[in-house]
Structures are given as structure tokens and as C-alpha cells.
Amino acid sequence: MEMAMVLGQQVLTMLIYLLVGMVAYKAKIVTYEQSKGMSAMLMYILSPSMLLKAFKMEYQQEKLVELLFSSVASIIAAAFLILLARYLFFKKDTSIAPIERSCVAYTNSGYLAIPLISATLGPEAVFYSCGFLSVFNFLVWTHCQRQMSGGRASINIKSIITNPNLIAITIGIILFRFNIKLPTIIDTAVSGFGNMVGPVALFVIGITLATMDLKQIFFNKRAYWVCFVRLGIAPALLILFFKVLGISYWIANGSIVINTILICSFAPVAVIITMFAQQYDLKADYASQLVSLSTILSIVSMPLMLFVAQLIL
């Protein structure tokens, strides 16, 4: 219960960041074009710094085992969500089915979940989220892209190996495994950039929301159903599935690892879904609505689902 309350407070803080972004845009303090620069900064500087910061610890064999365990648990969670979306909730092939299936399977874990993980489980838990992000980034550029393209897209190896987050995780693993310490000045800069992820990400989302017609976001009944599946039903079924597997007890420190994976899985729809929708001539406006609505609703759903997980697991 205490963890869920901390998460609730943190999400409300993030809501303030989002509202400030909306107000800043409406007051013409910032423009939409400037927010694109902020998004690039998030992708190429802030998010990799946050992940690199997570590896700032002494090497221990147990930690490496726990990181591998987080990757295995993330593969299980991803496969479960993909199958759930494809064969249970959105079986019928329609023009919007690829968007809805992808929205259930892929979350905005990098920008929203990780700051919450740090606040509720501690900075050490961000280390475990690297397993989830590695699996997520691989699947986004393989399964998700092919699903959104209707099978037309080939696997983009370059996008996988040049992904800033994966590069940061790879460097972090090397530094961690060989106990290499960054110079103090660089280490301080990396930590400073990493701490900026949550505020900047929500600020940018606020700007994006301010440019949209809120009536389209809040009065689309179909969008509420998809968000209910993404934020409520799918996470609840994943919690039950993990309970049946007894996965929290597979290793000594399994509980905190699984809570980390679950928070990543509770996050709203991944922003990259909109990018793929634009690229493959799907309904990009509908994808944007799902991203925006799920982000707003996650303020309530993420603390609630974590509370449910604490009761069940």
C-alpha cells in the first residue's frame, strides 16, 4: 500500500509537469517546433544518461544474474501481452487492428515508468528495468514495426543496434562488469542529465496535448476501451499470470525485479506507435489519441495496478 501511495504522489507530480507544458504552449512561451528539439534531447541525451546512471555500482555476480532474470521475465511479459492483444482482445483484422494490438503490447516505459520506478523502488531498481528496455527496443523494431506495416517492413537491424538506449545499456554493462568508474565530472553530468528525463518528457507531452483537439481525445468511446485493456485488463491478467508462474520466487531478489517489470508493463501507450502509424499510412490521429488518453488515465491506473500487484503477488 505504501509503495502505491508513493507512486500516486509521483504520478501527480508528473501531472504538474504535463500541465506546465500545456500552459507554456498556450501562453506562447514555447512552440511545437521547440518541443521537437526537446524530444530529440530526450532520445539521444537524457534517456541514455538515465540508463547509464543505473549501472553506477560495484560489480556483483548476483546483480548480473538478476539483470538476466529481468530480461527473461520481460520476454515472458512481452510475449504474453502480444498474444493477449492478437488472439483475445483484437482478433478481427480491421484497418485499426495493428494500432490497437501494438498499443496493448508496447508501453511508454522509457520516459514514464523509469522515473516512477526510481521513486517507488529506489534508484537500484532502474538497473533491472534495463532488461525490459532491451527486450522492448528489440521487439519494437522487429515485431511491432512488421505488425504496423502489415508485414511489409523488413527487420531493421541498424535501428536496433544504433538505438541510443541499447547503446547506453551496452556501455553500462561493460562499465559494471569491469568495475570501470567514469571521471567525476562526467559522472556528475550523466547523473544530472538522467534526472531530467521525467520532467522534460511530461513537459513535451503537455505541449503535444495542448496542440490537439481535446474533444477528439475524450469523446472517442473506442479509445476508452483500448486504454482500458492497455491500462487495466492486460496488466491485471499479467499479474495473475506471474502469480501462477510463481515468478517472484525464481531467484532470491525476484520480488523487486518483478515489480520493476510490472511497472514498465503498466505504463501508457508507447509514443512510437504514432510514428509507425504515420510511416505506414494508418490512422495516425487515432494513434495519437490513444497515446494521449492513456497517458492521462495512467495517472490513476498505474498506482491502482501496483496496489493490486502487491495484494496478489
C-alpha atoms as a PDB file:
ATOM      1  CA  MET A   1       0.000   0.000   0.000  1.00  0.00           C
ATOM      2  CA  GLU A   2       2.818   2.390   0.920  1.00  0.00           C
ATOM      3  CA  MET A   3       4.522   1.815  -2.433  1.00  0.00           C
ATOM      4  CA  ALA A   4       1.287   2.515  -4.303  1.00  0.00           C
ATOM      5  CA  MET A   5       0.831   5.779  -2.366  1.00  0.00           C
ATOM      6  CA  VAL A   6       4.375   6.885  -3.206  1.00  0.00           C
ATOM      7  CA  LEU A   7       3.697   6.039  -6.845  1.00  0.00           C
ATOM      8  CA  GLY A   8       0.457   8.021  -6.715  1.00  0.00           C
ATOM      9  CA  GLN A   9       2.268  11.080  -5.360  1.00  0.00           C
ATOM     10  CA  GLN A  10       4.958  10.755  -8.011  1.00  0.00           C
ATOM     11  CA  VAL A  11       2.405  10.478 -10.831  1.00  0.00           C
ATOM     12  CA  LEU A  12       0.616  13.597  -9.550  1.00  0.00           C
ATOM     13  CA  THR A  13       3.955  15.414  -9.632  1.00  0.00           C
ATOM     14  CA  MET A  14       4.341  14.281 -13.227  1.00  0.00           C
ATOM     15  CA  LEU A  15       0.847  15.621 -13.947  1.00  0.00           C
ATOM     16  CA  ILE A  16       2.100  19.041 -12.842  1.00  0.00           C
ATOM     17  CA  TYR A  17       4.978  18.783 -15.341  1.00  0.00           C
ATOM     18  CA  LEU A  18       2.436  17.930 -18.047  1.00  0.00           C
ATOM     19  CA  LEU A  19       0.129  20.837 -17.145  1.00  0.00           C
ATOM     20  CA  VAL A  20       3.051  23.269 -17.110  1.00  0.00           C
ATOM     21  CA  GLY A  21       3.894  22.115 -20.647  1.00  0.00           C
ATOM     22  CA  MET A  22       0.315  22.771 -21.753  1.00  0.00           C
ATOM     23  CA  VAL A  23       0.243  26.209 -20.136  1.00  0.00           C
ATOM     24  CA  ALA A  24       3.660  27.108 -21.559  1.00  0.00           C
ATOM     25  CA  TYR A  25       2.435  26.311 -25.067  1.00  0.00           C
ATOM     26  CA  LYS A  26      -0.864  28.149 -24.661  1.00  0.00           C
ATOM     27  CA  ALA A  27       0.996  31.167 -23.257  1.00  0.00           C
ATOM     28  CA  LYS A  28       3.329  31.033 -26.283  1.00  0.00           C
ATOM     29  CA  ILE A  29       6.389  30.592 -24.074  1.00  0.00           C
ATOM     30  CA  VAL A  30       7.387  27.574 -26.169  1.00  0.00           C
ATOM     31  CA  THR A  31       6.373  26.402 -29.635  1.00  0.00           C
ATOM     32  CA  TYR A  32       5.623  22.960 -31.013  1.00  0.00           C
ATOM     33  CA  GLU A  33       8.786  23.157 -33.117  1.00  0.00           C
ATOM     34  CA  GLN A  34      10.838  23.715 -29.978  1.00  0.00           C
ATOM     35  CA  SER A  35       9.264  20.622 -28.412  1.00  0.00           C
ATOM     36  CA  LYS A  36      10.702  18.545 -31.276  1.00  0.00           C
ATOM     37  CA  GLY A  37      14.170  19.617 -30.171  1.00  0.00           C
ATOM     38  CA  MET A  38      13.318  18.593 -26.613  1.00  0.00           C
ATOM     39  CA  SER A  39      12.150  15.188 -27.878  1.00  0.00           C
ATOM     40  CA  ALA A  40      15.454  14.691 -29.666  1.00  0.00           C
ATOM     41  CA  MET A  41      17.296  15.658 -26.479  1.00  0.00           C
ATOM     42  CA  LEU A  42      15.245  13.059 -24.571  1.00  0.00           C
ATOM     43  CA  MET A  43      16.057  10.319 -27.054  1.00  0.00           C
ATOM     44  CA  TYR A  44      19.742  10.965 -27.612  1.00  0.00           C
ATOM     45  CA  ILE A  45      20.965  12.518 -24.337  1.00  0.00           C
ATOM     46  CA  LEU A  46      18.653  12.312 -21.325  1.00  0.00           C
ATOM     47  CA  SER A  47      17.254   8.773 -21.564  1.00  0.00           C
ATOM     48  CA  PRO A  48      20.654   7.143 -22.306  1.00  0.00           C
ATOM     49  CA  SER A  49      22.153   9.115 -19.397  1.00  0.00           C
ATOM     50  CA  MET A  50      19.450   7.822 -17.054  1.00  0.00           C
ATOM     51  CA  LEU A  51      20.183   4.218 -18.056  1.00  0.00           C
ATOM     52  CA  LEU A  52      23.943   4.655 -17.848  1.00  0.00           C
ATOM     53  CA  LYS A  53      23.484   6.092 -14.369  1.00  0.00           C
ATOM     54  CA  ALA A  54      21.703   2.871 -13.323  1.00  0.00           C
ATOM     55  CA  PHE A  55      24.924   0.868 -13.745  1.00  0.00           C
ATOM     56  CA  LYS A  56      26.841   3.027 -11.276  1.00  0.00           C
ATOM     57  CA  MET A  57      27.507   0.290  -8.716  1.00  0.00           C
ATOM     58  CA  GLU A  58      30.138  -2.236  -7.704  1.00  0.00           C
ATOM     59  CA  TYR A  59      30.127  -5.427  -9.746  1.00  0.00           C
ATOM     60  CA  GLN A  60      28.405  -8.373  -8.063  1.00  0.00           C
ATOM     61  CA  GLN A  61      27.672 -11.724  -9.675  1.00  0.00           C
ATOM     62  CA  GLU A  62      24.200 -11.733  -8.122  1.00  0.00           C
ATOM     63  CA  LYS A  63      23.348  -8.413  -9.798  1.00  0.00           C
ATOM     64  CA  LEU A  64      24.284  -9.789 -13.197  1.00  0.00           C
ATOM     65  CA  VAL A  65      22.058 -12.825 -12.564  1.00  0.00           C
ATOM     66  CA  GLU A  66      19.213 -10.505 -11.543  1.00  0.00           C
ATOM     67  CA  LEU A  67      19.667  -8.472 -14.734  1.00  0.00           C
ATOM     68  CA  LEU A  68      19.473 -11.647 -16.824  1.00  0.00           C
ATOM     69  CA  PHE A  69      16.397 -12.693 -14.851  1.00  0.00           C
ATOM     70  CA  SER A  70      14.761  -9.324 -15.588  1.00  0.00           C
ATOM     71  CA  SER A  71      15.384  -9.938 -19.309  1.00  0.00           C
ATOM     72  CA  VAL A  72      13.785 -13.392 -19.131  1.00  0.00           C
ATOM     73  CA  ALA A  73      10.791 -12.037 -17.186  1.00  0.00           C
ATOM     74  CA  SER A  74      10.467  -9.207 -19.735  1.00  0.00           C
ATOM     75  CA  ILE A  75      10.409 -11.687 -22.635  1.00  0.00           C
ATOM     76  CA  ILE A  76       7.659 -13.626 -20.863  1.00  0.00           C
ATOM     77  CA  ALA A  77       5.669 -10.431 -20.210  1.00  0.00           C
ATOM     78  CA  ALA A  78       6.096  -9.170 -23.784  1.00  0.00           C
ATOM     79  CA  ALA A  79       5.046 -12.499 -25.312  1.00  0.00           C
ATOM     80  CA  PHE A  80       2.012 -12.639 -23.012  1.00  0.00           C
ATOM     81  CA  LEU A  81       0.870  -9.108 -23.947  1.00  0.00           C
ATOM     82  CA  ILE A  82       1.444  -9.655 -27.675  1.00  0.00           C
ATOM     83  CA  LEU A  83      -0.589 -12.889 -27.670  1.00  0.00           C
ATOM     84  CA  LEU A  84      -3.275 -11.314 -25.500  1.00  0.00           C
ATOM     85  CA  ALA A  85      -3.733  -8.407 -27.904  1.00  0.00           C
ATOM     86  CA  ARG A  86      -3.655 -10.552 -31.042  1.00  0.00           C
ATOM     87  CA  TYR A  87      -5.784 -13.539 -30.062  1.00  0.00           C
ATOM     88  CA  LEU A  88      -8.081 -12.341 -27.264  1.00  0.00           C
ATOM     89  CA  PHE A  89      -8.971  -8.657 -27.498  1.00  0.00           C
ATOM     90  CA  PHE A  90      -8.393  -7.619 -31.108  1.00  0.00           C
ATOM     91  CA  LYS A  91      -8.726 -10.815 -33.152  1.00  0.00           C
ATOM     92  CA  LYS A  92     -10.622  -9.252 -36.045  1.00  0.00           C
ATOM     93  CA  ASP A  93      -8.438  -7.841 -38.818  1.00  0.00           C
ATOM     94  CA  THR A  94      -9.517  -4.228 -39.370  1.00  0.00           C
ATOM     95  CA  SER A  95      -7.775  -1.074 -40.543  1.00  0.00           C
ATOM     96  CA  ILE A  96      -7.123  -0.033 -36.940  1.00  0.00           C
ATOM     97  CA  ALA A  97      -6.296  -3.508 -35.547  1.00  0.00           C
ATOM     98  CA  PRO A  98      -2.488  -3.117 -35.964  1.00  0.00           C
ATOM     99  CA  ILE A  99      -2.624   0.124 -33.962  1.00  0.00           C
ATOM    100  CA  GLU A 100      -4.759  -1.349 -31.186  1.00  0.00           C
ATOM    101  CA  ARG A 101      -2.716  -4.548 -30.909  1.00  0.00           C
ATOM    102  CA  SER A 102       0.502  -2.565 -30.721  1.00  0.00           C
ATOM    103  CA  CYS A 103      -0.967  -0.191 -28.146  1.00  0.00           C
ATOM    104  CA  VAL A 104      -1.710  -3.089 -25.801  1.00  0.00           C
ATOM    105  CA  ALA A 105       1.697  -4.731 -26.247  1.00  0.00           C
ATOM    106  CA  TYR A 106       4.073  -1.728 -26.207  1.00  0.00           C
ATOM    107  CA  THR A 107       4.326   0.825 -23.420  1.00  0.00           C
ATOM    108  CA  ASN A 108       5.957   4.188 -22.827  1.00  0.00           C
ATOM    109  CA  SER A 109       8.275   2.528 -20.306  1.00  0.00           C
ATOM    110  CA  GLY A 110      11.392   4.575 -21.012  1.00  0.00           C
ATOM    111  CA  TYR A 111      10.110   8.076 -20.303  1.00  0.00           C
ATOM    112  CA  LEU A 112       7.320   7.475 -17.786  1.00  0.00           C
ATOM    113  CA  ALA A 113       7.888   4.168 -15.996  1.00  0.00           C
ATOM    114  CA  ILE A 114      11.565   4.535 -15.107  1.00  0.00           C
ATOM    115  CA  PRO A 115      11.239   7.809 -13.134  1.00  0.00           C
ATOM    116  CA  LEU A 116       8.383   6.130 -11.237  1.00  0.00           C
ATOM    117  CA  ILE A 117      10.466   3.009 -10.608  1.00  0.00           C
ATOM    118  CA  SER A 118      13.253   5.147  -9.177  1.00  0.00           C
ATOM    119  CA  ALA A 119      10.830   6.975  -6.875  1.00  0.00           C
ATOM    120  CA  THR A 120       9.000   3.884  -5.583  1.00  0.00           C
ATOM    121  CA  LEU A 121      11.527   1.026  -5.670  1.00  0.00           C
ATOM    122  CA  GLY A 122      14.722   3.061  -5.458  1.00  0.00           C
ATOM    123  CA  PRO A 123      17.442   4.001  -7.978  1.00  0.00           C
ATOM    124  CA  GLU A 124      18.834   0.448  -7.853  1.00  0.00           C
ATOM    125  CA  ALA A 125      15.643  -0.885  -9.435  1.00  0.00           C
ATOM    126  CA  VAL A 126      16.285   1.178 -12.584  1.00  0.00           C
ATOM    127  CA  PHE A 127      19.134  -1.294 -13.166  1.00  0.00           C
ATOM    128  CA  TYR A 128      16.556  -4.093 -13.537  1.00  0.00           C
ATOM    129  CA  SER A 129      14.460  -2.040 -15.957  1.00  0.00           C
ATOM    130  CA  CYS A 130      17.337  -2.242 -18.446  1.00  0.00           C
ATOM    131  CA  GLY A 131      16.341  -5.851 -19.125  1.00  0.00           C
ATOM    132  CA  PHE A 132      12.822  -4.747 -20.021  1.00  0.00           C
ATOM    133  CA  LEU A 133      14.035  -1.877 -22.211  1.00  0.00           C
ATOM    134  CA  SER A 134      16.428  -4.150 -24.113  1.00  0.00           C
ATOM    135  CA  VAL A 135      13.614  -6.572 -24.925  1.00  0.00           C
ATOM    136  CA  PHE A 136      11.213  -3.697 -25.683  1.00  0.00           C
ATOM    137  CA  ASN A 137      13.567  -1.968 -28.118  1.00  0.00           C
ATOM    138  CA  PHE A 138      14.341  -5.204 -29.935  1.00  0.00           C
ATOM    139  CA  LEU A 139      10.651  -6.093 -30.336  1.00  0.00           C
ATOM    140  CA  VAL A 140       9.639  -2.557 -31.359  1.00  0.00           C
ATOM    141  CA  TRP A 141      11.952  -2.661 -34.381  1.00  0.00           C
ATOM    142  CA  THR A 142      11.040  -6.250 -35.290  1.00  0.00           C
ATOM    143  CA  HIS A 143       7.565  -7.435 -34.293  1.00  0.00           C
ATOM    144  CA  CYS A 144       5.891  -4.041 -33.755  1.00  0.00           C
ATOM    145  CA  GLN A 145       7.160  -2.487 -36.978  1.00  0.00           C
ATOM    146  CA  ARG A 146       6.156  -5.537 -39.048  1.00  0.00           C
ATOM    147  CA  GLN A 147       2.730  -5.632 -37.384  1.00  0.00           C
ATOM    148  CA  MET A 148       2.119  -1.947 -38.087  1.00  0.00           C
ATOM    149  CA  SER A 149       3.310  -2.292 -41.694  1.00  0.00           C
ATOM    150  CA  GLY A 150       1.126  -5.327 -42.380  1.00  0.00           C
ATOM    151  CA  GLY A 151       4.226  -7.470 -42.845  1.00  0.00           C
ATOM    152  CA  ARG A 152       5.783  -5.151 -45.442  1.00  0.00           C
ATOM    153  CA  ALA A 153       8.642  -3.859 -43.299  1.00  0.00           C
ATOM    154  CA  SER A 154      11.861  -5.839 -43.098  1.00  0.00           C
ATOM    155  CA  ILE A 155      13.704  -6.190 -39.805  1.00  0.00           C
ATOM    156  CA  ASN A 156      15.708  -3.013 -39.322  1.00  0.00           C
ATOM    157  CA  ILE A 157      18.965  -4.224 -37.759  1.00  0.00           C
ATOM    158  CA  LYS A 158      20.504  -0.748 -37.989  1.00  0.00           C
ATOM    159  CA  SER A 159      17.697   0.783 -35.927  1.00  0.00           C
ATOM    160  CA  ILE A 160      18.221  -1.887 -33.272  1.00  0.00           C
ATOM    161  CA  ILE A 161      21.992  -1.608 -32.884  1.00  0.00           C
ATOM    162  CA  THR A 162      22.038   2.194 -33.138  1.00  0.00           C
ATOM    163  CA  ASN A 163      19.236   2.716 -30.615  1.00  0.00           C
ATOM    164  CA  PRO A 164      20.588   5.209 -28.025  1.00  0.00           C
ATOM    165  CA  ASN A 165      19.092   3.289 -25.088  1.00  0.00           C
ATOM    166  CA  LEU A 166      20.616  -0.016 -26.162  1.00  0.00           C
ATOM    167  CA  ILE A 167      23.981   1.652 -26.728  1.00  0.00           C
ATOM    168  CA  ALA A 168      23.795   3.137 -23.206  1.00  0.00           C
ATOM    169  CA  ILE A 169      22.841  -0.250 -21.714  1.00  0.00           C
ATOM    170  CA  THR A 170      25.731  -1.955 -23.543  1.00  0.00           C
ATOM    171  CA  ILE A 171      28.223   0.641 -22.287  1.00  0.00           C
ATOM    172  CA  GLY A 172      26.715   0.373 -18.805  1.00  0.00           C
ATOM    173  CA  ILE A 173      27.128  -3.415 -18.740  1.00  0.00           C
ATOM    174  CA  ILE A 174      30.792  -3.079 -19.754  1.00  0.00           C
ATOM    175  CA  LEU A 175      31.435  -0.446 -17.070  1.00  0.00           C
ATOM    176  CA  PHE A 176      29.600  -2.545 -14.487  1.00  0.00           C
ATOM    177  CA  ARG A 177      31.261  -5.866 -15.367  1.00  0.00           C
ATOM    178  CA  PHE A 178      34.803  -4.494 -15.292  1.00  0.00           C
ATOM    179  CA  ASN A 179      34.251  -2.036 -12.409  1.00  0.00           C
ATOM    180  CA  ILE A 180      35.187   0.937 -14.580  1.00  0.00           C
ATOM    181  CA  LYS A 181      34.390   4.281 -12.976  1.00  0.00           C
ATOM    182  CA  LEU A 182      33.652   7.385 -15.024  1.00  0.00           C
ATOM    183  CA  PRO A 183      35.617  10.544 -14.178  1.00  0.00           C
ATOM    184  CA  THR A 184      33.805  12.556 -11.510  1.00  0.00           C
ATOM    185  CA  ILE A 185      32.929  15.447 -13.839  1.00  0.00           C
ATOM    186  CA  ILE A 186      31.442  13.124 -16.484  1.00  0.00           C
ATOM    187  CA  ASP A 187      29.654  11.056 -13.846  1.00  0.00           C
ATOM    188  CA  THR A 188      28.054  14.190 -12.378  1.00  0.00           C
ATOM    189  CA  ALA A 189      26.938  15.361 -15.829  1.00  0.00           C
ATOM    190  CA  VAL A 190      25.456  11.933 -16.663  1.00  0.00           C
ATOM    191  CA  SER A 191      23.520  11.887 -13.372  1.00  0.00           C
ATOM    192  CA  GLY A 192      22.266  15.432 -13.946  1.00  0.00           C
ATOM    193  CA  PHE A 193      21.007  14.635 -17.439  1.00  0.00           C
ATOM    194  CA  GLY A 194      19.436  11.386 -16.214  1.00  0.00           C
ATOM    195  CA  ASN A 195      17.459  13.201 -13.520  1.00  0.00           C
ATOM    196  CA  MET A 196      15.852  15.414 -16.172  1.00  0.00           C
ATOM    197  CA  VAL A 197      14.008  12.624 -18.022  1.00  0.00           C
ATOM    198  CA  GLY A 198      10.704  12.704 -16.120  1.00  0.00           C
ATOM    199  CA  PRO A 199      10.143  16.494 -16.106  1.00  0.00           C
ATOM    200  CA  VAL A 200      11.215  17.024 -19.728  1.00  0.00           C
ATOM    201  CA  ALA A 201       9.218  14.034 -21.058  1.00  0.00           C
ATOM    202  CA  LEU A 202       5.999  15.174 -19.375  1.00  0.00           C
ATOM    203  CA  PHE A 203       6.609  18.787 -20.379  1.00  0.00           C
ATOM    204  CA  VAL A 204       6.857  17.698 -24.039  1.00  0.00           C
ATOM    205  CA  ILE A 205       3.735  15.532 -23.733  1.00  0.00           C
ATOM    206  CA  GLY A 206       1.921  18.554 -22.274  1.00  0.00           C
ATOM    207  CA  ILE A 207       2.903  20.643 -25.304  1.00  0.00           C
ATOM    208  CA  THR A 208       1.660  17.894 -27.620  1.00  0.00           C
ATOM    209  CA  LEU A 209      -1.685  17.675 -25.791  1.00  0.00           C
ATOM    210  CA  ALA A 210      -2.078  21.450 -25.997  1.00  0.00           C
ATOM    211  CA  THR A 211      -1.900  21.260 -29.799  1.00  0.00           C
ATOM    212  CA  MET A 212      -4.672  18.636 -30.026  1.00  0.00           C
ATOM    213  CA  ASP A 213      -8.450  18.864 -30.013  1.00  0.00           C
ATOM    214  CA  LEU A 214      -9.262  17.551 -26.521  1.00  0.00           C
ATOM    215  CA  LYS A 215     -12.836  16.756 -27.604  1.00  0.00           C
ATOM    216  CA  GLN A 216     -11.477  14.160 -30.024  1.00  0.00           C
ATOM    217  CA  ILE A 217      -9.400  12.634 -27.230  1.00  0.00           C
ATOM    218  CA  PHE A 218     -12.105  12.467 -24.558  1.00  0.00           C
ATOM    219  CA  PHE A 219     -15.163  11.632 -26.664  1.00  0.00           C
ATOM    220  CA  ASN A 220     -13.895   8.607 -28.587  1.00  0.00           C
ATOM    221  CA  LYS A 221     -15.576   5.602 -26.936  1.00  0.00           C
ATOM    222  CA  ARG A 222     -13.405   3.104 -28.808  1.00  0.00           C
ATOM    223  CA  ALA A 223     -10.263   4.788 -27.448  1.00  0.00           C
ATOM    224  CA  TYR A 224     -11.512   4.288 -23.868  1.00  0.00           C
ATOM    225  CA  TRP A 225     -11.933   0.557 -24.497  1.00  0.00           C
ATOM    226  CA  VAL A 226      -8.398   0.211 -25.880  1.00  0.00           C
ATOM    227  CA  CYS A 227      -6.997   2.200 -22.950  1.00  0.00           C
ATOM    228  CA  PHE A 228      -8.990   0.072 -20.504  1.00  0.00           C
ATOM    229  CA  VAL A 229      -7.386  -3.029 -21.987  1.00  0.00           C
ATOM    230  CA  ARG A 230      -3.896  -1.423 -22.027  1.00  0.00           C
ATOM    231  CA  LEU A 231      -4.023   0.062 -18.518  1.00  0.00           C
ATOM    232  CA  GLY A 232      -6.389  -2.288 -16.681  1.00  0.00           C
ATOM    233  CA  ILE A 233      -7.282  -5.680 -18.100  1.00  0.00           C
ATOM    234  CA  ALA A 234      -3.931  -6.619 -19.661  1.00  0.00           C
ATOM    235  CA  PRO A 235      -1.882  -5.619 -16.559  1.00  0.00           C
ATOM    236  CA  ALA A 236      -4.312  -7.481 -14.274  1.00  0.00           C
ATOM    237  CA  LEU A 237      -4.040 -10.639 -16.390  1.00  0.00           C
ATOM    238  CA  LEU A 238      -0.246 -10.289 -16.442  1.00  0.00           C
ATOM    239  CA  ILE A 239      -0.197 -10.083 -12.632  1.00  0.00           C
ATOM    240  CA  LEU A 240      -2.306 -13.248 -12.419  1.00  0.00           C
ATOM    241  CA  PHE A 241      -0.077 -14.990 -14.966  1.00  0.00           C
ATOM    242  CA  PHE A 242       3.043 -14.117 -12.951  1.00  0.00           C
ATOM    243  CA  LYS A 243       1.253 -15.355  -9.815  1.00  0.00           C
ATOM    244  CA  VAL A 244       0.524 -18.714 -11.447  1.00  0.00           C
ATOM    245  CA  LEU A 245       4.145 -18.996 -12.587  1.00  0.00           C
ATOM    246  CA  GLY A 246       5.397 -18.076  -9.123  1.00  0.00           C
ATOM    247  CA  ILE A 247       7.976 -15.988 -10.942  1.00  0.00           C
ATOM    248  CA  SER A 248       8.753 -13.730  -7.952  1.00  0.00           C
ATOM    249  CA  TYR A 249      10.311 -16.738  -6.215  1.00  0.00           C
ATOM    250  CA  TRP A 250      12.539 -17.923  -9.042  1.00  0.00           C
ATOM    251  CA  ILE A 251      15.517 -16.032  -7.585  1.00  0.00           C
ATOM    252  CA  ALA A 252      16.334 -14.530  -4.184  1.00  0.00           C
ATOM    253  CA  ASN A 253      15.608 -10.904  -5.097  1.00  0.00           C
ATOM    254  CA  GLY A 254      12.811 -11.758  -7.527  1.00  0.00           C
ATOM    255  CA  SER A 255      10.112  -9.610  -5.952  1.00  0.00           C
ATOM    256  CA  ILE A 256      11.741  -6.229  -6.655  1.00  0.00           C
ATOM    257  CA  VAL A 257      12.722  -7.358 -10.178  1.00  0.00           C
ATOM    258  CA  ILE A 258       9.162  -8.423 -10.987  1.00  0.00           C
ATOM    259  CA  ASN A 259       7.697  -5.219  -9.527  1.00  0.00           C
ATOM    260  CA  THR A 260      10.056  -3.302 -11.814  1.00  0.00           C
ATOM    261  CA  ILE A 261       8.913  -5.281 -14.868  1.00  0.00           C
ATOM    262  CA  LEU A 262       5.273  -4.808 -13.896  1.00  0.00           C
ATOM    263  CA  ILE A 263       5.572  -1.019 -13.540  1.00  0.00           C
ATOM    264  CA  CYS A 264       7.089  -0.948 -17.037  1.00  0.00           C
ATOM    265  CA  SER A 265       4.126  -3.030 -18.226  1.00  0.00           C
ATOM    266  CA  PHE A 266       1.603  -0.721 -16.513  1.00  0.00           C
ATOM    267  CA  ALA A 267       2.769   2.346 -18.462  1.00  0.00           C
ATOM    268  CA  PRO A 268       0.635   4.078 -21.133  1.00  0.00           C
ATOM    269  CA  VAL A 269       0.855   3.518 -24.881  1.00  0.00           C
ATOM    270  CA  ALA A 270       4.299   3.903 -26.486  1.00  0.00           C
ATOM    271  CA  VAL A 271       4.732   7.137 -28.448  1.00  0.00           C
ATOM    272  CA  ILE A 272       6.481   5.264 -31.270  1.00  0.00           C
ATOM    273  CA  ILE A 273       3.117   3.732 -32.258  1.00  0.00           C
ATOM    274  CA  THR A 274       2.114   7.131 -33.647  1.00  0.00           C
ATOM    275  CA  MET A 275       5.348   7.348 -35.647  1.00  0.00           C
ATOM    276  CA  PHE A 276       4.756   3.924 -37.214  1.00  0.00           C
ATOM    277  CA  ALA A 277       1.120   4.841 -37.968  1.00  0.00           C
ATOM    278  CA  GLN A 278       2.322   7.908 -39.878  1.00  0.00           C
ATOM    279  CA  GLN A 279       5.016   5.930 -41.681  1.00  0.00           C
ATOM    280  CA  TYR A 280       2.652   3.181 -42.882  1.00  0.00           C
ATOM    281  CA  ASP A 281      -0.389   5.354 -43.685  1.00  0.00           C
ATOM    282  CA  LEU A 282      -2.556   4.129 -40.827  1.00  0.00           C
ATOM    283  CA  LYS A 283      -4.794   6.375 -38.728  1.00  0.00           C
ATOM    284  CA  ALA A 284      -2.069   8.426 -37.036  1.00  0.00           C
ATOM    285  CA  ASP A 285      -4.623  10.756 -35.416  1.00  0.00           C
ATOM    286  CA  TYR A 286      -6.264   7.744 -33.727  1.00  0.00           C
ATOM    287  CA  ALA A 287      -2.855   6.501 -32.535  1.00  0.00           C
ATOM    288  CA  SER A 288      -2.136   9.972 -31.097  1.00  0.00           C
ATOM    289  CA  GLN A 289      -5.475   9.928 -29.283  1.00  0.00           C
ATOM    290  CA  LEU A 290      -4.619   6.574 -27.696  1.00  0.00           C
ATOM    291  CA  VAL A 291      -1.179   7.800 -26.616  1.00  0.00           C
ATOM    292  CA  SER A 292      -2.625  10.990 -25.112  1.00  0.00           C
ATOM    293  CA  LEU A 293      -5.667   9.433 -23.426  1.00  0.00           C
ATOM    294  CA  SER A 294      -3.688   6.524 -21.975  1.00  0.00           C
ATOM    295  CA  THR A 295      -1.076   8.946 -20.601  1.00  0.00           C
ATOM    296  CA  ILE A 296      -3.757  10.948 -18.792  1.00  0.00           C
ATOM    297  CA  LEU A 297      -5.588   7.852 -17.471  1.00  0.00           C
ATOM    298  CA  SER A 298      -2.337   6.256 -16.307  1.00  0.00           C
ATOM    299  CA  ILE A 299      -2.211   8.845 -13.516  1.00  0.00           C
ATOM    300  CA  VAL A 300      -4.922   6.768 -11.833  1.00  0.00           C
ATOM    301  CA  SER A 301      -4.288   3.330 -13.305  1.00  0.00           C
ATOM    302  CA  MET A 302      -0.578   2.886 -12.522  1.00  0.00           C
ATOM    303  CA  PRO A 303      -0.868   3.333  -8.719  1.00  0.00           C
ATOM    304  CA  LEU A 304      -4.017   1.191  -8.748  1.00  0.00           C
ATOM    305  CA  MET A 305      -2.396  -1.680 -10.655  1.00  0.00           C
ATOM    306  CA  LEU A 306       0.688  -1.592  -8.422  1.00  0.00           C
ATOM    307  CA  PHE A 307      -1.615  -1.822  -5.394  1.00  0.00           C
ATOM    308  CA  VAL A 308      -3.335  -4.835  -6.988  1.00  0.00           C
ATOM    309  CA  ALA A 309       0.055  -6.444  -7.687  1.00  0.00           C
ATOM    310  CA  GLN A 310       1.085  -6.011  -4.052  1.00  0.00           C
ATOM    311  CA  LEU A 311      -2.112  -7.741  -2.913  1.00  0.00           C
ATOM    312  CA  ILE A 312      -1.776 -10.694  -5.314  1.00  0.00           C
ATOM    313  CA  LEU A 313       1.936 -11.417  -5.671  1.00  0.00           C
END
